[in-house]
Amino acid sequence: EITGNTVYQGILALAKDAIRAGEPLSSFFKDYPEIFPPFFSQMITVGEKTGTLNKSLLTISDFYAKEAERIIGNITTFLTPVLIIFAAAVVGLLLLSVLTTIYQTITIIT
């Protein structure tokens, strides 16, 4: 319900059941390294052991927010020249079309 991703929904439902059964949250996430990277489960382990799980979760949240910003920045940096080249190509084709029409008209007149 929290996420629209069905894979995460299923895993989080399993996590909820595991927590209700008394299993530590960190050990559950360690079972899914392909979904939750080691950094994630290690931070949760540290939070559980030190009694500061809320701070660990905030740290994870900040890390992934910065990571998302970095990725978006990289995509923007990559797309800007691509879009400029695309716009230049469109303008070039329009200019070529207009000049071709003018040239054909002049050729017909003469």
C-alpha atoms as a PDB file:
ATOM      1  CA  GLU A   1       0.000   0.000   0.000  1.00  0.00           C
ATOM      2  CA  ILE A   2       2.941   2.303   0.668  1.00  0.00           C
ATOM      3  CA  THR A   3       4.570   1.620  -2.667  1.00  0.00           C
ATOM      4  CA  GLY A   4       3.125   0.941  -6.081  1.00  0.00           C
ATOM      5  CA  ASN A   5       5.836  -1.632  -6.814  1.00  0.00           C
ATOM      6  CA  THR A   6       4.346  -5.106  -6.358  1.00  0.00           C
ATOM      7  CA  VAL A   7       7.742  -6.682  -5.626  1.00  0.00           C
ATOM      8  CA  TYR A   8       8.321  -4.302  -2.731  1.00  0.00           C
ATOM      9  CA  GLN A   9       4.737  -4.751  -1.554  1.00  0.00           C
ATOM     10  CA  GLY A  10       5.243  -8.498  -1.279  1.00  0.00           C
ATOM     11  CA  ILE A  11       8.585  -8.216   0.488  1.00  0.00           C
ATOM     12  CA  LEU A  12       7.331  -5.569   2.915  1.00  0.00           C
ATOM     13  CA  ALA A  13       4.330  -7.760   3.730  1.00  0.00           C
ATOM     14  CA  LEU A  14       6.764 -10.580   4.540  1.00  0.00           C
ATOM     15  CA  ALA A  15       8.827  -8.155   6.636  1.00  0.00           C
ATOM     16  CA  LYS A  16       5.749  -7.189   8.612  1.00  0.00           C
ATOM     17  CA  ASP A  17       5.017 -10.845   9.327  1.00  0.00           C
ATOM     18  CA  ALA A  18       8.642 -11.495  10.321  1.00  0.00           C
ATOM     19  CA  ILE A  19       8.670  -8.546  12.718  1.00  0.00           C
ATOM     20  CA  ARG A  20       5.433  -9.724  14.294  1.00  0.00           C
ATOM     21  CA  ALA A  21       7.100 -13.127  14.769  1.00  0.00           C
ATOM     22  CA  GLY A  22       9.948 -11.425  16.646  1.00  0.00           C
ATOM     23  CA  GLU A  23      12.603 -11.545  13.954  1.00  0.00           C
ATOM     24  CA  PRO A  24      14.966  -8.538  13.847  1.00  0.00           C
ATOM     25  CA  LEU A  25      14.317  -6.194  10.963  1.00  0.00           C
ATOM     26  CA  SER A  26      17.962  -6.230   9.899  1.00  0.00           C
ATOM     27  CA  SER A  27      18.133 -10.005   9.499  1.00  0.00           C
ATOM     28  CA  PHE A  28      15.053  -9.938   7.286  1.00  0.00           C
ATOM     29  CA  PHE A  29      16.529  -7.357   4.912  1.00  0.00           C
ATOM     30  CA  LYS A  30      19.822  -9.287   4.758  1.00  0.00           C
ATOM     31  CA  ASP A  31      17.863 -12.151   3.186  1.00  0.00           C
ATOM     32  CA  TYR A  32      17.096  -9.951   0.141  1.00  0.00           C
ATOM     33  CA  PRO A  33      20.462  -8.458  -0.942  1.00  0.00           C
ATOM     34  CA  GLU A  34      19.281  -8.168  -4.554  1.00  0.00           C
ATOM     35  CA  ILE A  35      16.512  -5.793  -3.437  1.00  0.00           C
ATOM     36  CA  PHE A  36      18.045  -4.126  -0.376  1.00  0.00           C
ATOM     37  CA  PRO A  37      21.757  -3.310  -0.725  1.00  0.00           C
ATOM     38  CA  PRO A  38      24.183  -4.173   2.097  1.00  0.00           C
ATOM     39  CA  PHE A  39      24.362  -0.508   3.134  1.00  0.00           C
ATOM     40  CA  PHE A  40      20.645  -0.602   3.870  1.00  0.00           C
ATOM     41  CA  SER A  41      20.716  -3.698   6.065  1.00  0.00           C
ATOM     42  CA  GLN A  42      23.950  -2.617   7.781  1.00  0.00           C
ATOM     43  CA  MET A  43      22.465   0.745   8.752  1.00  0.00           C
ATOM     44  CA  ILE A  44      19.381  -0.994  10.139  1.00  0.00           C
ATOM     45  CA  THR A  45      21.619  -3.395  12.084  1.00  0.00           C
ATOM     46  CA  VAL A  46      23.526  -0.464  13.595  1.00  0.00           C
ATOM     47  CA  GLY A  47      20.266   1.268  14.471  1.00  0.00           C
ATOM     48  CA  GLU A  48      18.868  -1.826  16.156  1.00  0.00           C
ATOM     49  CA  LYS A  49      22.038  -2.489  18.140  1.00  0.00           C
ATOM     50  CA  THR A  50      22.445   1.108  19.308  1.00  0.00           C
ATOM     51  CA  GLY A  51      18.756   1.751  19.899  1.00  0.00           C
ATOM     52  CA  THR A  52      18.687   4.513  17.297  1.00  0.00           C
ATOM     53  CA  LEU A  53      16.759   2.833  14.509  1.00  0.00           C
ATOM     54  CA  ASN A  54      14.859   6.043  13.773  1.00  0.00           C
ATOM     55  CA  LYS A  55      18.141   7.916  13.173  1.00  0.00           C
ATOM     56  CA  SER A  56      19.449   5.100  11.008  1.00  0.00           C
ATOM     57  CA  LEU A  57      16.289   5.168   8.908  1.00  0.00           C
ATOM     58  CA  LEU A  58      16.611   8.948   8.530  1.00  0.00           C
ATOM     59  CA  THR A  59      20.231   8.498   7.457  1.00  0.00           C
ATOM     60  CA  ILE A  60      19.160   5.924   4.880  1.00  0.00           C
ATOM     61  CA  SER A  61      16.421   8.257   3.682  1.00  0.00           C
ATOM     62  CA  ASP A  62      18.856  11.176   3.337  1.00  0.00           C
ATOM     63  CA  PHE A  63      21.364   8.982   1.510  1.00  0.00           C
ATOM     64  CA  TYR A  64      18.825   7.792  -1.051  1.00  0.00           C
ATOM     65  CA  ALA A  65      17.361  11.286  -1.475  1.00  0.00           C
ATOM     66  CA  LYS A  66      20.840  12.618  -2.291  1.00  0.00           C
ATOM     67  CA  GLU A  67      21.485   9.639  -4.543  1.00  0.00           C
ATOM     68  CA  ALA A  68      18.238  10.325  -6.429  1.00  0.00           C
ATOM     69  CA  GLU A  69      19.185  14.000  -6.819  1.00  0.00           C
ATOM     70  CA  ARG A  70      22.608  12.989  -8.134  1.00  0.00           C
ATOM     71  CA  ILE A  71      21.101  10.582 -10.661  1.00  0.00           C
ATOM     72  CA  ILE A  72      18.545  13.150 -11.818  1.00  0.00           C
ATOM     73  CA  GLY A  73      21.345  15.710 -12.155  1.00  0.00           C
ATOM     74  CA  ASN A  74      23.355  13.269 -14.274  1.00  0.00           C
ATOM     75  CA  ILE A  75      20.357  12.544 -16.481  1.00  0.00           C
ATOM     76  CA  THR A  76      19.698  16.260 -16.901  1.00  0.00           C
ATOM     77  CA  THR A  77      23.352  16.874 -17.724  1.00  0.00           C
ATOM     78  CA  PHE A  78      23.213  14.132 -20.342  1.00  0.00           C
ATOM     79  CA  LEU A  79      19.852  15.126 -21.836  1.00  0.00           C
ATOM     80  CA  THR A  80      20.587  18.840 -22.250  1.00  0.00           C
ATOM     81  CA  PRO A  81      23.058  18.450 -25.144  1.00  0.00           C
ATOM     82  CA  VAL A  82      20.949  15.681 -26.681  1.00  0.00           C
ATOM     83  CA  LEU A  83      17.887  17.944 -26.715  1.00  0.00           C
ATOM     84  CA  ILE A  84      19.914  20.845 -28.117  1.00  0.00           C
ATOM     85  CA  ILE A  85      21.213  18.623 -30.928  1.00  0.00           C
ATOM     86  CA  PHE A  86      17.677  17.366 -31.607  1.00  0.00           C
ATOM     87  CA  ALA A  87      16.312  20.937 -31.717  1.00  0.00           C
ATOM     88  CA  ALA A  88      19.149  21.987 -34.041  1.00  0.00           C
ATOM     89  CA  ALA A  89      18.376  19.043 -36.330  1.00  0.00           C
ATOM     90  CA  VAL A  90      14.687  19.988 -36.463  1.00  0.00           C
ATOM     91  CA  VAL A  91      15.541  23.622 -37.225  1.00  0.00           C
ATOM     92  CA  GLY A  92      18.052  22.456 -39.852  1.00  0.00           C
ATOM     93  CA  LEU A  93      15.445  20.247 -41.530  1.00  0.00           C
ATOM     94  CA  LEU A  94      12.918  23.076 -41.532  1.00  0.00           C
ATOM     95  CA  LEU A  95      15.498  25.434 -43.006  1.00  0.00           C
ATOM     96  CA  LEU A  96      16.434  22.842 -45.627  1.00  0.00           C
ATOM     97  CA  SER A  97      12.757  22.385 -46.503  1.00  0.00           C
ATOM     98  CA  VAL A  98      12.201  26.116 -46.922  1.00  0.00           C
ATOM     99  CA  LEU A  99      15.384  26.606 -48.952  1.00  0.00           C
ATOM    100  CA  THR A 100      14.552  23.620 -51.178  1.00  0.00           C
ATOM    101  CA  THR A 101      11.101  25.059 -51.856  1.00  0.00           C
ATOM    102  CA  ILE A 102      12.567  28.479 -52.665  1.00  0.00           C
ATOM    103  CA  TYR A 103      15.191  26.901 -54.946  1.00  0.00           C
ATOM    104  CA  GLN A 104      12.537  24.845 -56.777  1.00  0.00           C
ATOM    105  CA  THR A 105      10.367  27.926 -57.217  1.00  0.00           C
ATOM    106  CA  ILE A 106      13.279  29.930 -58.633  1.00  0.00           C
ATOM    107  CA  THR A 107      14.182  27.040 -60.950  1.00  0.00           C
ATOM    108  CA  ILE A 108      10.613  26.822 -62.266  1.00  0.00           C
ATOM    109  CA  ILE A 109      10.432  30.592 -62.842  1.00  0.00           C
ATOM    110  CA  THR A 110      13.680  30.707 -64.812  1.00  0.00           C
END
